[in-house]
Protein backbone atom coordinates (compact mmCIF):
# COMPACT_ATOMS: atom_id res chain seq x y z
CA GLY A 1 -6.46 -57.75 73.97
CA LEU A 2 -3.55 -57.32 76.74
CA THR A 3 -2.26 -60.39 78.63
CA LEU A 4 -0.05 -60.12 81.26
CA THR A 5 2.26 -62.44 82.67
CA VAL A 6 4.64 -63.22 85.80
CA SER A 7 8.31 -61.79 85.46
CA SER A 8 10.50 -60.25 87.20
CA TYR A 9 9.31 -56.78 87.13
CA TYR A 10 8.12 -55.22 90.88
CA GLN A 11 5.94 -53.06 89.41
CA TRP A 12 3.85 -53.16 85.99
CA LEU A 13 2.34 -49.53 84.69
CA CYS A 14 -0.48 -49.66 82.33
CA ILE A 15 -2.13 -46.47 80.26
CA TRP A 16 -5.43 -46.15 78.26
CA PRO A 17 -4.98 -42.74 77.05
CA SER A 18 -9.55 -43.06 75.80
CA GLY A 19 -10.11 -44.43 79.29
CA VAL A 20 -11.38 -47.65 78.33
CA MET A 21 -9.67 -50.91 78.09
CA ASP A 22 -9.03 -50.92 74.26
CA ASP A 23 -6.19 -51.63 71.80
CA THR A 24 -4.31 -48.19 72.03
CA TYR A 25 -2.53 -48.15 75.12
CA SER A 26 1.01 -47.88 76.62
CA ILE A 27 3.30 -50.20 78.80
CA TYR A 28 5.92 -48.99 81.20
CA THR A 29 7.81 -51.76 83.74
CA SER A 30 10.32 -51.51 86.41
CA GLY A 31 12.49 -53.83 88.47
CA SER A 32 13.11 -52.33 90.68
CA SER A 33 13.01 -53.46 94.60
CA ASN A 34 12.95 -51.13 97.89
CA ALA A 35 12.10 -48.15 95.21
CA ASN A 36 11.49 -44.75 96.07
CA SER A 37 11.59 -43.26 93.09
CA VAL A 38 10.44 -44.76 89.24
CA PRO A 39 10.90 -41.97 86.77
CA ALA A 40 9.70 -43.34 83.97
CA LEU A 41 6.39 -44.38 85.65
CA GLN A 42 5.82 -41.31 87.85
CA ASN A 43 6.56 -39.54 84.37
CA ALA A 44 4.07 -41.72 82.68
CA ILE A 45 1.48 -40.98 85.28
CA ALA A 46 1.79 -37.07 85.46
CA ALA A 47 1.46 -36.82 81.45
CA ALA A 48 -1.83 -39.00 82.06
CA SER A 49 -4.88 -36.96 81.36
CA ASP A 50 -7.72 -36.87 83.61
CA GLN A 51 -10.23 -39.77 81.90
CA ALA A 52 -7.06 -41.83 81.28
CA LEU A 53 -7.73 -45.47 82.28
CA ILE A 54 -4.46 -46.12 84.65
CA VAL A 55 -3.52 -49.27 85.70
CA LEU A 56 -0.42 -50.24 88.44
CA MET A 57 0.14 -53.75 89.92
CA CYS A 58 2.79 -55.62 91.56
CA PRO A 59 1.99 -59.47 90.78
CA TYR A 60 4.42 -61.62 91.11
CA ASN A 61 7.26 -60.24 94.12
CA GLY A 62 4.90 -57.77 95.57
CA CYS A 63 5.76 -53.56 94.71
CA TYR A 64 8.59 -53.83 97.73
CA LEU A 65 8.47 -50.04 97.82
CA SER A 66 10.63 -48.11 100.63
CA GLY A 67 9.90 -45.94 103.22
CA THR A 68 6.51 -44.50 104.00
CA ALA A 69 3.40 -44.00 102.30
CA SER A 70 4.00 -40.03 103.21
CA SER A 71 7.72 -39.95 102.04
CA ASN A 72 7.59 -42.36 98.90
CA VAL A 73 7.86 -40.90 95.86
CA LEU A 74 6.57 -43.20 93.38
CA PHE A 75 3.65 -43.65 96.14
CA GLN A 76 2.89 -40.48 96.09
CA SER A 77 1.82 -39.98 92.19
CA MET A 78 -0.46 -43.41 92.76
CA LYS A 79 -2.18 -41.40 94.79
CA LEU A 80 -3.31 -39.69 91.82
CA PHE A 81 -5.11 -41.93 90.64
CA GLY A 82 -6.34 -43.72 94.02
CA ALA A 83 -4.06 -45.34 96.02
CA THR A 84 -4.47 -45.33 99.54
CA GLU A 85 -1.75 -45.11 103.08
CA ASP A 86 -3.70 -48.22 104.78
CA LYS A 87 -2.51 -50.17 101.19
CA PHE A 88 0.91 -49.02 100.79
CA PRO A 89 2.67 -51.88 99.12
CA THR A 90 5.96 -52.25 100.82
CA THR A 91 6.22 -56.32 100.94
CA ASN A 92 5.80 -59.09 98.25
CA LYS A 93 1.88 -59.33 98.38
CA PRO A 94 0.25 -58.20 95.39
CA TYR A 95 -1.37 -55.41 94.75
CA LEU A 96 -3.46 -53.72 92.04
CA LEU A 97 -4.60 -50.43 91.81
CA ILE A 98 -7.14 -49.23 88.83
CA GLY A 99 -8.28 -45.73 88.68
CA ARG A 100 -8.40 -42.22 86.55
CA LYS A 101 -6.67 -39.31 88.04
CA GLY A 102 -9.65 -37.60 87.66
CA ASP A 103 -11.95 -39.28 90.22
CA ALA A 104 -11.48 -39.08 93.73
CA LYS A 105 -10.81 -42.74 94.32
CA ALA A 106 -9.73 -45.92 92.84
CA ILE A 107 -11.76 -48.44 91.02
CA VAL A 108 -9.79 -51.23 92.49
CA ASN A 109 -7.21 -50.53 95.31
CA GLU A 110 -6.18 -54.03 96.60
CA LEU A 111 -3.06 -55.50 98.74
CA SER A 112 -3.55 -59.00 98.98
CA ASP A 113 -1.94 -61.70 100.87
CA TYR A 114 1.49 -63.58 99.25
CA GLY A 115 0.30 -65.99 96.64
CA THR A 116 -3.25 -65.11 96.32
CA CYS A 117 -4.80 -63.30 93.36
CA ILE A 118 -6.57 -60.34 93.01
CA GLU A 119 -9.42 -59.81 90.63
CA GLY A 120 -10.50 -56.71 88.97
CA LYS A 121 -14.32 -57.35 88.16
CA ALA A 122 -15.09 -56.11 84.43
CA SER A 123 -17.91 -55.17 85.97
CA VAL A 124 -16.58 -52.26 87.80
CA PHE A 125 -14.97 -50.41 84.45
């Protein structure tokens, strides 16, 4: 199984190539605040197949992405698996995005209030 804990990372990216949450996954992290571009995350998203399950979360410090939803390079990659401009994560609010590049929308796309939890129900996977 996979357990992620609170840390100093702003963005966590987890990719399951099989499209299901099995034991074969890759994790990428970024400690960049006010990020416009995070090449390691962007490259991993670009390399993922359309059926891969992709999770990007900003659990503790928020994503703190810079610029706007239309100018932020990392956010453009996030749009490939369902990020929407109305939930552009620029602050310390927790953010959870789960989807597949081949789908038209995210399975989970939530921006919550600071200090709260976001749940992705297993039944939607």
